[in-house]
């Protein structure tokens, strides 16, 4: 382990990301010289096809690792020498470690969701859970839920085939679980018998305001977990709280995936609660700035 670390984030539209600030501040607190750079494909005029060159360049420049986000999480796999078990199962990578001449892919999205769930919804019933969204974030969330023993998972997505493909891919990994799909129009009756709901679509983000879930289907017995974290308090969460439901914001998932990535990059266990407090402060400051 060295006390000087250079890392980065590759994806589109990543310049406003809070990840660099999270990593650099925790690195400073740990006594490291920690530099974290964004590599924004849009700003650089690059595409997913440039990933092999970008990874070679990062390795040659002495980067310790890279975080990978949309739209590169699947495409980056062919650039790597090895995958962790979870990254291979998910077919997606969000963290790359350069070590001993090899590029190793990991996925910390699923564990980030899992740790946030354990922290924020202890004792939540898991007999039947409905998940809205079966895209990249949805795959990680579904994996996190199933590893926690969800007995029945119902995947709801505008693209039914995408939900079916995700259900099929996990059916062989989690043989004791029942994994079904439903159309968005079937959400009210499906939620009527569910223990919990996880929202894993972009709806609710600052650029996509609103709620993908009808308010009238929310009830006190239903817990509601969110993946969106900018803003932390989405319209869905506010409506769920008003209905008396237990809720979980998406901030912890963002933090805990960064916590695990930090550990992979540095070999040091970061202070997760400190990083969570820092992230919440960053989001709050951002929201205040937006209303000025």
C-alpha atoms as a PDB file:
ATOM      1  CA  UNK A   1       0.000   0.000   0.000  1.00  0.00           C
ATOM      2  CA  UNK A   2       1.211   3.447  -0.891  1.00  0.00           C
ATOM      3  CA  UNK A   3       0.173   6.720   0.721  1.00  0.00           C
ATOM      4  CA  UNK A   4      -0.425   8.303  -2.702  1.00  0.00           C
ATOM      5  CA  UNK A   5      -3.491   7.162  -4.681  1.00  0.00           C
ATOM      6  CA  UNK A   6      -4.747   8.213  -8.125  1.00  0.00           C
ATOM      7  CA  UNK A   7      -8.216   7.035  -9.158  1.00  0.00           C
ATOM      8  CA  UNK A   8     -10.955   8.105 -11.545  1.00  0.00           C
ATOM      9  CA  UNK A   9     -14.503   7.756 -12.805  1.00  0.00           C
ATOM     10  CA  UNK A  10     -15.394   6.942 -16.427  1.00  0.00           C
ATOM     11  CA  UNK A  11     -18.849   7.559 -17.861  1.00  0.00           C
ATOM     12  CA  UNK A  12     -21.086  10.084 -19.573  1.00  0.00           C
ATOM     13  CA  UNK A  13     -22.153  13.235 -17.750  1.00  0.00           C
ATOM     14  CA  UNK A  14     -19.962  12.452 -14.727  1.00  0.00           C
ATOM     15  CA  UNK A  15     -18.424  15.889 -14.185  1.00  0.00           C
ATOM     16  CA  UNK A  16     -21.030  16.857 -11.529  1.00  0.00           C
ATOM     17  CA  UNK A  17     -20.546  13.546  -9.671  1.00  0.00           C
ATOM     18  CA  UNK A  18     -20.138  13.647  -5.882  1.00  0.00           C
ATOM     19  CA  UNK A  19     -17.876  10.571  -5.973  1.00  0.00           C
ATOM     20  CA  UNK A  20     -14.566  12.481  -6.309  1.00  0.00           C
ATOM     21  CA  UNK A  21     -15.334  14.607  -3.244  1.00  0.00           C
ATOM     22  CA  UNK A  22     -16.333  11.527  -1.215  1.00  0.00           C
ATOM     23  CA  UNK A  23     -13.138   9.642  -2.070  1.00  0.00           C
ATOM     24  CA  UNK A  24     -10.747  12.566  -1.714  1.00  0.00           C
ATOM     25  CA  UNK A  25     -12.110  13.734   1.638  1.00  0.00           C
ATOM     26  CA  UNK A  26     -12.041  10.235   3.122  1.00  0.00           C
ATOM     27  CA  UNK A  27      -8.525   9.778   1.728  1.00  0.00           C
ATOM     28  CA  UNK A  28      -7.457  13.006   3.436  1.00  0.00           C
ATOM     29  CA  UNK A  29      -8.999  11.810   6.718  1.00  0.00           C
ATOM     30  CA  UNK A  30      -7.054   8.555   6.355  1.00  0.00           C
ATOM     31  CA  UNK A  31      -3.760  10.422   5.860  1.00  0.00           C
ATOM     32  CA  UNK A  32      -3.487   9.690   2.147  1.00  0.00           C
ATOM     33  CA  UNK A  33      -2.620  11.874  -0.794  1.00  0.00           C
ATOM     34  CA  UNK A  34      -5.720  10.864  -2.731  1.00  0.00           C
ATOM     35  CA  UNK A  35      -6.529  12.334  -6.150  1.00  0.00           C
ATOM     36  CA  UNK A  36      -9.757  11.337  -7.903  1.00  0.00           C
ATOM     37  CA  UNK A  37     -10.492  12.530 -11.446  1.00  0.00           C
ATOM     38  CA  UNK A  38     -13.592  12.392 -13.657  1.00  0.00           C
ATOM     39  CA  UNK A  39     -13.173  11.130 -17.209  1.00  0.00           C
ATOM     40  CA  UNK A  40     -16.358  12.346 -18.890  1.00  0.00           C
ATOM     41  CA  UNK A  41     -16.910  10.763 -22.297  1.00  0.00           C
ATOM     42  CA  UNK A  42     -19.256  13.571 -23.355  1.00  0.00           C
ATOM     43  CA  UNK A  43     -16.788  16.319 -22.460  1.00  0.00           C
ATOM     44  CA  UNK A  44     -13.916  14.512 -24.181  1.00  0.00           C
ATOM     45  CA  UNK A  45     -15.932  13.661 -27.279  1.00  0.00           C
ATOM     46  CA  UNK A  46     -15.402   9.944 -26.713  1.00  0.00           C
ATOM     47  CA  UNK A  47     -17.650   6.859 -26.787  1.00  0.00           C
ATOM     48  CA  UNK A  48     -17.789   3.404 -25.263  1.00  0.00           C
ATOM     49  CA  UNK A  49     -15.580   2.247 -28.147  1.00  0.00           C
ATOM     50  CA  UNK A  50     -12.726   4.256 -26.590  1.00  0.00           C
ATOM     51  CA  UNK A  51     -12.787   2.253 -23.340  1.00  0.00           C
ATOM     52  CA  UNK A  52      -9.836  -0.053 -24.197  1.00  0.00           C
ATOM     53  CA  UNK A  53      -7.625   2.975 -24.915  1.00  0.00           C
ATOM     54  CA  UNK A  54      -8.800   4.794 -21.788  1.00  0.00           C
ATOM     55  CA  UNK A  55      -8.077   1.816 -19.539  1.00  0.00           C
ATOM     56  CA  UNK A  56      -4.630   1.284 -21.060  1.00  0.00           C
ATOM     57  CA  UNK A  57      -3.882   4.979 -20.624  1.00  0.00           C
ATOM     58  CA  UNK A  58      -5.050   4.976 -16.994  1.00  0.00           C
ATOM     59  CA  UNK A  59      -2.894   1.971 -16.198  1.00  0.00           C
ATOM     60  CA  UNK A  60       0.128   3.517 -17.921  1.00  0.00           C
ATOM     61  CA  UNK A  61      -0.380   6.801 -16.041  1.00  0.00           C
ATOM     62  CA  UNK A  62      -0.326   5.036 -12.691  1.00  0.00           C
ATOM     63  CA  UNK A  63      -4.002   5.011 -11.799  1.00  0.00           C
ATOM     64  CA  UNK A  64      -4.717   2.650  -8.918  1.00  0.00           C
ATOM     65  CA  UNK A  65      -8.275   2.098 -10.042  1.00  0.00           C
ATOM     66  CA  UNK A  66     -11.342   3.367 -11.826  1.00  0.00           C
ATOM     67  CA  UNK A  67     -15.020   3.533 -11.095  1.00  0.00           C
ATOM     68  CA  UNK A  68     -17.197   2.806 -14.108  1.00  0.00           C
ATOM     69  CA  UNK A  69     -20.694   4.129 -14.691  1.00  0.00           C
ATOM     70  CA  UNK A  70     -23.285   4.459 -17.462  1.00  0.00           C
ATOM     71  CA  UNK A  71     -22.984   3.471 -20.277  1.00  0.00           C
ATOM     72  CA  UNK A  72     -19.801   1.476 -19.712  1.00  0.00           C
ATOM     73  CA  UNK A  73     -20.564  -1.109 -17.009  1.00  0.00           C
ATOM     74  CA  UNK A  74     -21.053  -3.996 -19.414  1.00  0.00           C
ATOM     75  CA  UNK A  75     -18.736  -2.886 -22.220  1.00  0.00           C
ATOM     76  CA  UNK A  76     -15.733  -2.540 -19.891  1.00  0.00           C
ATOM     77  CA  UNK A  77     -15.731  -6.282 -19.163  1.00  0.00           C
ATOM     78  CA  UNK A  78     -13.962  -7.162 -22.403  1.00  0.00           C
ATOM     79  CA  UNK A  79     -11.119  -4.824 -21.390  1.00  0.00           C
ATOM     80  CA  UNK A  80     -10.408  -6.689 -18.140  1.00  0.00           C
ATOM     81  CA  UNK A  81      -8.219  -9.624 -17.165  1.00  0.00           C
ATOM     82  CA  UNK A  82     -10.385 -10.945 -14.354  1.00  0.00           C
ATOM     83  CA  UNK A  83     -13.779 -10.498 -12.692  1.00  0.00           C
ATOM     84  CA  UNK A  84     -14.886 -10.930  -9.102  1.00  0.00           C
ATOM     85  CA  UNK A  85     -17.550 -13.573  -8.551  1.00  0.00           C
ATOM     86  CA  UNK A  86     -20.290 -10.986  -8.082  1.00  0.00           C
ATOM     87  CA  UNK A  87     -19.289  -8.933 -11.134  1.00  0.00           C
ATOM     88  CA  UNK A  88     -19.339 -12.086 -13.261  1.00  0.00           C
ATOM     89  CA  UNK A  89     -22.785 -13.061 -11.974  1.00  0.00           C
ATOM     90  CA  UNK A  90     -24.169  -9.594 -12.571  1.00  0.00           C
ATOM     91  CA  UNK A  91     -22.468  -9.121 -15.925  1.00  0.00           C
ATOM     92  CA  UNK A  92     -21.608  -5.578 -14.897  1.00  0.00           C
ATOM     93  CA  UNK A  93     -18.557  -3.817 -13.439  1.00  0.00           C
ATOM     94  CA  UNK A  94     -18.485  -0.495 -11.608  1.00  0.00           C
ATOM     95  CA  UNK A  95     -14.993  -0.747 -10.065  1.00  0.00           C
ATOM     96  CA  UNK A  96     -11.692  -1.680 -11.720  1.00  0.00           C
ATOM     97  CA  UNK A  97      -8.498  -2.314  -9.742  1.00  0.00           C
ATOM     98  CA  UNK A  98      -5.091  -2.239 -11.422  1.00  0.00           C
ATOM     99  CA  UNK A  99      -2.845  -4.618  -9.530  1.00  0.00           C
ATOM    100  CA  UNK A 100       0.278  -6.572 -10.480  1.00  0.00           C
ATOM    101  CA  UNK A 101      -0.195  -5.786 -14.148  1.00  0.00           C
ATOM    102  CA  UNK A 102      -3.807  -6.989 -14.213  1.00  0.00           C
ATOM    103  CA  UNK A 103      -7.123  -5.176 -14.455  1.00  0.00           C
ATOM    104  CA  UNK A 104      -9.682  -6.771 -12.139  1.00  0.00           C
ATOM    105  CA  UNK A 105     -13.384  -5.896 -12.299  1.00  0.00           C
ATOM    106  CA  UNK A 106     -15.646  -5.687  -9.245  1.00  0.00           C
ATOM    107  CA  UNK A 107     -19.251  -4.683  -8.633  1.00  0.00           C
ATOM    108  CA  UNK A 108     -19.993  -2.693  -5.488  1.00  0.00           C
ATOM    109  CA  UNK A 109     -23.447  -1.441  -6.529  1.00  0.00           C
ATOM    110  CA  UNK A 110     -25.241  -4.508  -5.195  1.00  0.00           C
ATOM    111  CA  UNK A 111     -23.386  -4.528  -1.882  1.00  0.00           C
ATOM    112  CA  UNK A 112     -23.936  -0.773  -1.593  1.00  0.00           C
ATOM    113  CA  UNK A 113     -27.665  -1.296  -1.818  1.00  0.00           C
ATOM    114  CA  UNK A 114     -27.508  -4.248   0.579  1.00  0.00           C
ATOM    115  CA  UNK A 115     -25.613  -2.363   3.267  1.00  0.00           C
ATOM    116  CA  UNK A 116     -27.948   0.594   2.953  1.00  0.00           C
ATOM    117  CA  UNK A 117     -30.950  -1.726   3.257  1.00  0.00           C
ATOM    118  CA  UNK A 118     -29.555  -3.446   6.351  1.00  0.00           C
ATOM    119  CA  UNK A 119     -28.790  -0.067   7.934  1.00  0.00           C
ATOM    120  CA  UNK A 120     -32.035   1.677   7.138  1.00  0.00           C
ATOM    121  CA  UNK A 121     -34.709  -1.044   7.142  1.00  0.00           C
ATOM    122  CA  UNK A 122     -33.678  -3.583   9.792  1.00  0.00           C
ATOM    123  CA  UNK A 123     -36.187  -6.393  10.254  1.00  0.00           C
ATOM    124  CA  UNK A 124     -38.104  -5.571   7.063  1.00  0.00           C
ATOM    125  CA  UNK A 125     -40.292  -8.438   5.838  1.00  0.00           C
ATOM    126  CA  UNK A 126     -38.955 -10.101   2.680  1.00  0.00           C
ATOM    127  CA  UNK A 127     -41.636 -12.627   1.768  1.00  0.00           C
ATOM    128  CA  UNK A 128     -42.684 -10.684  -1.340  1.00  0.00           C
ATOM    129  CA  UNK A 129     -40.949  -7.620  -2.766  1.00  0.00           C
ATOM    130  CA  UNK A 130     -41.808  -5.595  -5.861  1.00  0.00           C
ATOM    131  CA  UNK A 131     -38.983  -3.891  -7.745  1.00  0.00           C
ATOM    132  CA  UNK A 132     -39.737  -1.151 -10.239  1.00  0.00           C
ATOM    133  CA  UNK A 133     -36.929  -0.949 -12.797  1.00  0.00           C
ATOM    134  CA  UNK A 134     -34.816  -3.736 -14.327  1.00  0.00           C
ATOM    135  CA  UNK A 135     -31.974  -1.749 -15.880  1.00  0.00           C
ATOM    136  CA  UNK A 136     -28.357  -1.532 -14.720  1.00  0.00           C
ATOM    137  CA  UNK A 137     -29.177  -0.266 -11.222  1.00  0.00           C
ATOM    138  CA  UNK A 138     -32.105  -2.672 -11.089  1.00  0.00           C
ATOM    139  CA  UNK A 139     -29.885  -5.688 -11.705  1.00  0.00           C
ATOM    140  CA  UNK A 140     -27.621  -4.744  -8.791  1.00  0.00           C
ATOM    141  CA  UNK A 141     -30.593  -4.070  -6.509  1.00  0.00           C
ATOM    142  CA  UNK A 142     -32.291  -7.360  -7.397  1.00  0.00           C
ATOM    143  CA  UNK A 143     -29.068  -9.236  -6.692  1.00  0.00           C
ATOM    144  CA  UNK A 144     -28.764  -7.467  -3.339  1.00  0.00           C
ATOM    145  CA  UNK A 145     -32.342  -8.317  -2.427  1.00  0.00           C
ATOM    146  CA  UNK A 146     -32.045 -11.960  -3.417  1.00  0.00           C
ATOM    147  CA  UNK A 147     -28.818 -12.423  -1.459  1.00  0.00           C
ATOM    148  CA  UNK A 148     -30.766 -11.199   1.576  1.00  0.00           C
ATOM    149  CA  UNK A 149     -33.315 -13.969   1.227  1.00  0.00           C
ATOM    150  CA  UNK A 150     -36.274 -12.420  -0.581  1.00  0.00           C
ATOM    151  CA  UNK A 151     -38.659 -15.310  -1.186  1.00  0.00           C
ATOM    152  CA  UNK A 152     -40.558 -13.778  -4.079  1.00  0.00           C
ATOM    153  CA  UNK A 153     -39.352 -10.913  -6.243  1.00  0.00           C
ATOM    154  CA  UNK A 154     -41.620  -9.287  -8.821  1.00  0.00           C
ATOM    155  CA  UNK A 155     -39.777  -7.210 -11.441  1.00  0.00           C
ATOM    156  CA  UNK A 156     -41.740  -4.413 -13.103  1.00  0.00           C
ATOM    157  CA  UNK A 157     -40.321  -2.529 -16.073  1.00  0.00           C
ATOM    158  CA  UNK A 158     -41.603  -0.578 -19.064  1.00  0.00           C
ATOM    159  CA  UNK A 159     -39.635  -3.085 -21.168  1.00  0.00           C
ATOM    160  CA  UNK A 160     -41.159  -6.412 -20.123  1.00  0.00           C
ATOM    161  CA  UNK A 161     -38.506  -8.348 -22.025  1.00  0.00           C
ATOM    162  CA  UNK A 162     -35.744  -6.659 -20.067  1.00  0.00           C
ATOM    163  CA  UNK A 163     -37.438  -7.687 -16.826  1.00  0.00           C
ATOM    164  CA  UNK A 164     -37.840 -11.251 -18.100  1.00  0.00           C
ATOM    165  CA  UNK A 165     -34.182 -11.428 -19.106  1.00  0.00           C
ATOM    166  CA  UNK A 166     -33.120 -10.290 -15.641  1.00  0.00           C
ATOM    167  CA  UNK A 167     -35.474 -12.765 -13.980  1.00  0.00           C
ATOM    168  CA  UNK A 168     -34.128 -15.616 -16.120  1.00  0.00           C
ATOM    169  CA  UNK A 169     -30.505 -14.715 -15.411  1.00  0.00           C
ATOM    170  CA  UNK A 170     -31.054 -14.855 -11.643  1.00  0.00           C
ATOM    171  CA  UNK A 171     -33.353 -17.892 -11.593  1.00  0.00           C
ATOM    172  CA  UNK A 172     -30.413 -20.298 -11.811  1.00  0.00           C
ATOM    173  CA  UNK A 173     -28.407 -18.398  -9.172  1.00  0.00           C
ATOM    174  CA  UNK A 174     -31.231 -18.227  -6.620  1.00  0.00           C
ATOM    175  CA  UNK A 175     -33.086 -21.496  -7.084  1.00  0.00           C
ATOM    176  CA  UNK A 176     -35.148 -21.238  -3.890  1.00  0.00           C
ATOM    177  CA  UNK A 177     -36.571 -17.816  -4.792  1.00  0.00           C
ATOM    178  CA  UNK A 178     -39.572 -17.147  -7.015  1.00  0.00           C
ATOM    179  CA  UNK A 179     -38.794 -14.407  -9.553  1.00  0.00           C
ATOM    180  CA  UNK A 180     -41.670 -13.082 -11.637  1.00  0.00           C
ATOM    181  CA  UNK A 181     -42.338 -10.117 -13.928  1.00  0.00           C
ATOM    182  CA  UNK A 182     -45.276  -7.748 -14.334  1.00  0.00           C
ATOM    183  CA  UNK A 183     -46.232  -4.777 -16.467  1.00  0.00           C
ATOM    184  CA  UNK A 184     -46.427  -1.262 -14.942  1.00  0.00           C
ATOM    185  CA  UNK A 185     -50.208  -1.361 -15.342  1.00  0.00           C
ATOM    186  CA  UNK A 186     -50.297  -4.332 -12.979  1.00  0.00           C
ATOM    187  CA  UNK A 187     -48.498  -2.424 -10.218  1.00  0.00           C
ATOM    188  CA  UNK A 188     -51.541  -1.687  -7.990  1.00  0.00           C
ATOM    189  CA  UNK A 189     -52.700  -5.318  -7.543  1.00  0.00           C
ATOM    190  CA  UNK A 190     -49.116  -6.572  -7.284  1.00  0.00           C
ATOM    191  CA  UNK A 191     -48.270  -4.047  -4.563  1.00  0.00           C
ATOM    192  CA  UNK A 192     -51.477  -4.816  -2.684  1.00  0.00           C
ATOM    193  CA  UNK A 193     -49.995  -8.109  -1.474  1.00  0.00           C
ATOM    194  CA  UNK A 194     -46.317  -7.072  -1.229  1.00  0.00           C
ATOM    195  CA  UNK A 195     -44.198  -6.458   1.863  1.00  0.00           C
ATOM    196  CA  UNK A 196     -41.968  -3.913   0.192  1.00  0.00           C
ATOM    197  CA  UNK A 197     -41.255  -1.826  -2.885  1.00  0.00           C
ATOM    198  CA  UNK A 198     -37.865  -0.856  -4.320  1.00  0.00           C
ATOM    199  CA  UNK A 199     -37.797   1.942  -6.877  1.00  0.00           C
ATOM    200  CA  UNK A 200     -34.869   1.637  -9.325  1.00  0.00           C
ATOM    201  CA  UNK A 201     -35.705   3.950 -12.235  1.00  0.00           C
ATOM    202  CA  UNK A 202     -34.526   7.546 -12.926  1.00  0.00           C
ATOM    203  CA  UNK A 203     -37.962   8.936 -12.017  1.00  0.00           C
ATOM    204  CA  UNK A 204     -37.658  11.295  -9.084  1.00  0.00           C
ATOM    205  CA  UNK A 205     -34.238  12.639 -10.032  1.00  0.00           C
ATOM    206  CA  UNK A 206     -33.908  16.398 -10.457  1.00  0.00           C
ATOM    207  CA  UNK A 207     -33.991  15.962 -14.238  1.00  0.00           C
ATOM    208  CA  UNK A 208     -36.935  13.521 -14.060  1.00  0.00           C
ATOM    209  CA  UNK A 209     -39.316  14.872 -11.397  1.00  0.00           C
ATOM    210  CA  UNK A 210     -42.374  12.975 -10.275  1.00  0.00           C
ATOM    211  CA  UNK A 211     -43.191   9.512  -8.999  1.00  0.00           C
ATOM    212  CA  UNK A 212     -43.469   6.272 -10.966  1.00  0.00           C
ATOM    213  CA  UNK A 213     -45.754   4.837  -8.280  1.00  0.00           C
ATOM    214  CA  UNK A 214     -49.420   5.861  -7.836  1.00  0.00           C
ATOM    215  CA  UNK A 215     -49.839   7.431  -4.401  1.00  0.00           C
ATOM    216  CA  UNK A 216     -53.019   5.505  -3.701  1.00  0.00           C
ATOM    217  CA  UNK A 217     -51.215   2.133  -3.635  1.00  0.00           C
ATOM    218  CA  UNK A 218     -48.945   3.178  -0.740  1.00  0.00           C
ATOM    219  CA  UNK A 219     -49.940   1.936   2.732  1.00  0.00           C
ATOM    220  CA  UNK A 220     -48.472   1.696   6.251  1.00  0.00           C
ATOM    221  CA  UNK A 221     -47.620  -2.023   5.957  1.00  0.00           C
ATOM    222  CA  UNK A 222     -45.466  -1.459   2.853  1.00  0.00           C
ATOM    223  CA  UNK A 223     -41.820  -0.452   3.207  1.00  0.00           C
ATOM    224  CA  UNK A 224     -40.430   1.680   0.354  1.00  0.00           C
ATOM    225  CA  UNK A 225     -36.763   1.876  -0.683  1.00  0.00           C
ATOM    226  CA  UNK A 226     -35.377   4.378  -3.179  1.00  0.00           C
ATOM    227  CA  UNK A 227     -32.284   4.239  -5.397  1.00  0.00           C
ATOM    228  CA  UNK A 228     -32.389   7.908  -6.452  1.00  0.00           C
ATOM    229  CA  UNK A 229     -30.292  10.107  -4.141  1.00  0.00           C
ATOM    230  CA  UNK A 230     -30.274  13.503  -5.856  1.00  0.00           C
ATOM    231  CA  UNK A 231     -32.536  14.639  -4.269  1.00  0.00           C
ATOM    232  CA  UNK A 232     -32.387  12.503  -1.144  1.00  0.00           C
ATOM    233  CA  UNK A 233     -36.057  13.122  -0.418  1.00  0.00           C
ATOM    234  CA  UNK A 234     -37.973  12.166  -3.561  1.00  0.00           C
ATOM    235  CA  UNK A 235     -41.656  12.625  -4.243  1.00  0.00           C
ATOM    236  CA  UNK A 236     -42.144   8.876  -3.784  1.00  0.00           C
ATOM    237  CA  UNK A 237     -40.526   8.891  -0.345  1.00  0.00           C
ATOM    238  CA  UNK A 238     -42.575  11.874   0.800  1.00  0.00           C
ATOM    239  CA  UNK A 239     -45.798  10.187  -0.334  1.00  0.00           C
ATOM    240  CA  UNK A 240     -44.798   6.899   1.309  1.00  0.00           C
ATOM    241  CA  UNK A 241     -44.073   8.615   4.625  1.00  0.00           C
ATOM    242  CA  UNK A 242     -47.395  10.437   4.425  1.00  0.00           C
ATOM    243  CA  UNK A 243     -49.064   7.029   3.998  1.00  0.00           C
ATOM    244  CA  UNK A 244     -47.312   5.767   7.137  1.00  0.00           C
ATOM    245  CA  UNK A 245     -44.814   3.506   5.374  1.00  0.00           C
ATOM    246  CA  UNK A 246     -41.208   2.891   6.451  1.00  0.00           C
ATOM    247  CA  UNK A 247     -38.852   4.453   3.918  1.00  0.00           C
ATOM    248  CA  UNK A 248     -35.212   4.295   2.824  1.00  0.00           C
ATOM    249  CA  UNK A 249     -33.523   6.938   0.690  1.00  0.00           C
ATOM    250  CA  UNK A 250     -30.918   6.166  -1.962  1.00  0.00           C
ATOM    251  CA  UNK A 251     -28.076   8.079  -0.327  1.00  0.00           C
ATOM    252  CA  UNK A 252     -26.726   5.067   1.524  1.00  0.00           C
ATOM    253  CA  UNK A 253     -26.447   3.003  -1.652  1.00  0.00           C
ATOM    254  CA  UNK A 254     -24.354   5.746  -3.273  1.00  0.00           C
ATOM    255  CA  UNK A 255     -22.173   5.984  -0.179  1.00  0.00           C
ATOM    256  CA  UNK A 256     -21.710   2.287   0.482  1.00  0.00           C
ATOM    257  CA  UNK A 257     -20.735   1.470  -3.097  1.00  0.00           C
ATOM    258  CA  UNK A 258     -18.102   4.202  -2.706  1.00  0.00           C
ATOM    259  CA  UNK A 259     -17.065   2.768   0.681  1.00  0.00           C
ATOM    260  CA  UNK A 260     -16.380  -0.631  -0.860  1.00  0.00           C
ATOM    261  CA  UNK A 261     -14.595   0.893  -3.854  1.00  0.00           C
ATOM    262  CA  UNK A 262     -12.391   2.941  -1.508  1.00  0.00           C
ATOM    263  CA  UNK A 263     -11.462  -0.240   0.360  1.00  0.00           C
ATOM    264  CA  UNK A 264     -10.635  -2.023  -2.909  1.00  0.00           C
ATOM    265  CA  UNK A 265      -8.480   0.871  -4.130  1.00  0.00           C
ATOM    266  CA  UNK A 266      -6.608   1.547  -0.891  1.00  0.00           C
ATOM    267  CA  UNK A 267      -6.749  -1.611   1.218  1.00  0.00           C
ATOM    268  CA  UNK A 268      -8.059   0.585   4.045  1.00  0.00           C
ATOM    269  CA  UNK A 269     -11.511   0.246   5.616  1.00  0.00           C
ATOM    270  CA  UNK A 270     -13.040   3.739   5.405  1.00  0.00           C
ATOM    271  CA  UNK A 271     -15.335   5.314   7.958  1.00  0.00           C
ATOM    272  CA  UNK A 272     -18.724   4.635   6.359  1.00  0.00           C
ATOM    273  CA  UNK A 273     -20.705   6.865   8.705  1.00  0.00           C
ATOM    274  CA  UNK A 274     -18.320   9.753   8.097  1.00  0.00           C
ATOM    275  CA  UNK A 275     -18.687   9.313   4.343  1.00  0.00           C
ATOM    276  CA  UNK A 276     -22.480   9.168   4.685  1.00  0.00           C
ATOM    277  CA  UNK A 277     -22.520  12.418   6.669  1.00  0.00           C
ATOM    278  CA  UNK A 278     -20.268  14.053   4.070  1.00  0.00           C
ATOM    279  CA  UNK A 279     -22.467  12.923   1.169  1.00  0.00           C
ATOM    280  CA  UNK A 280     -25.641  14.163   2.882  1.00  0.00           C
ATOM    281  CA  UNK A 281     -24.001  17.541   3.434  1.00  0.00           C
ATOM    282  CA  UNK A 282     -22.957  17.734  -0.222  1.00  0.00           C
ATOM    283  CA  UNK A 283     -26.469  16.920  -1.450  1.00  0.00           C
ATOM    284  CA  UNK A 284     -28.039  19.372   1.003  1.00  0.00           C
ATOM    285  CA  UNK A 285     -25.672  22.136  -0.125  1.00  0.00           C
ATOM    286  CA  UNK A 286     -26.464  21.337  -3.743  1.00  0.00           C
ATOM    287  CA  UNK A 287     -30.222  21.543  -3.078  1.00  0.00           C
ATOM    288  CA  UNK A 288     -29.866  24.865  -1.248  1.00  0.00           C
ATOM    289  CA  UNK A 289     -27.856  26.273  -4.159  1.00  0.00           C
ATOM    290  CA  UNK A 290     -30.543  25.171  -6.597  1.00  0.00           C
ATOM    291  CA  UNK A 291     -33.261  27.214  -4.877  1.00  0.00           C
ATOM    292  CA  UNK A 292     -31.246  30.417  -4.581  1.00  0.00           C
END
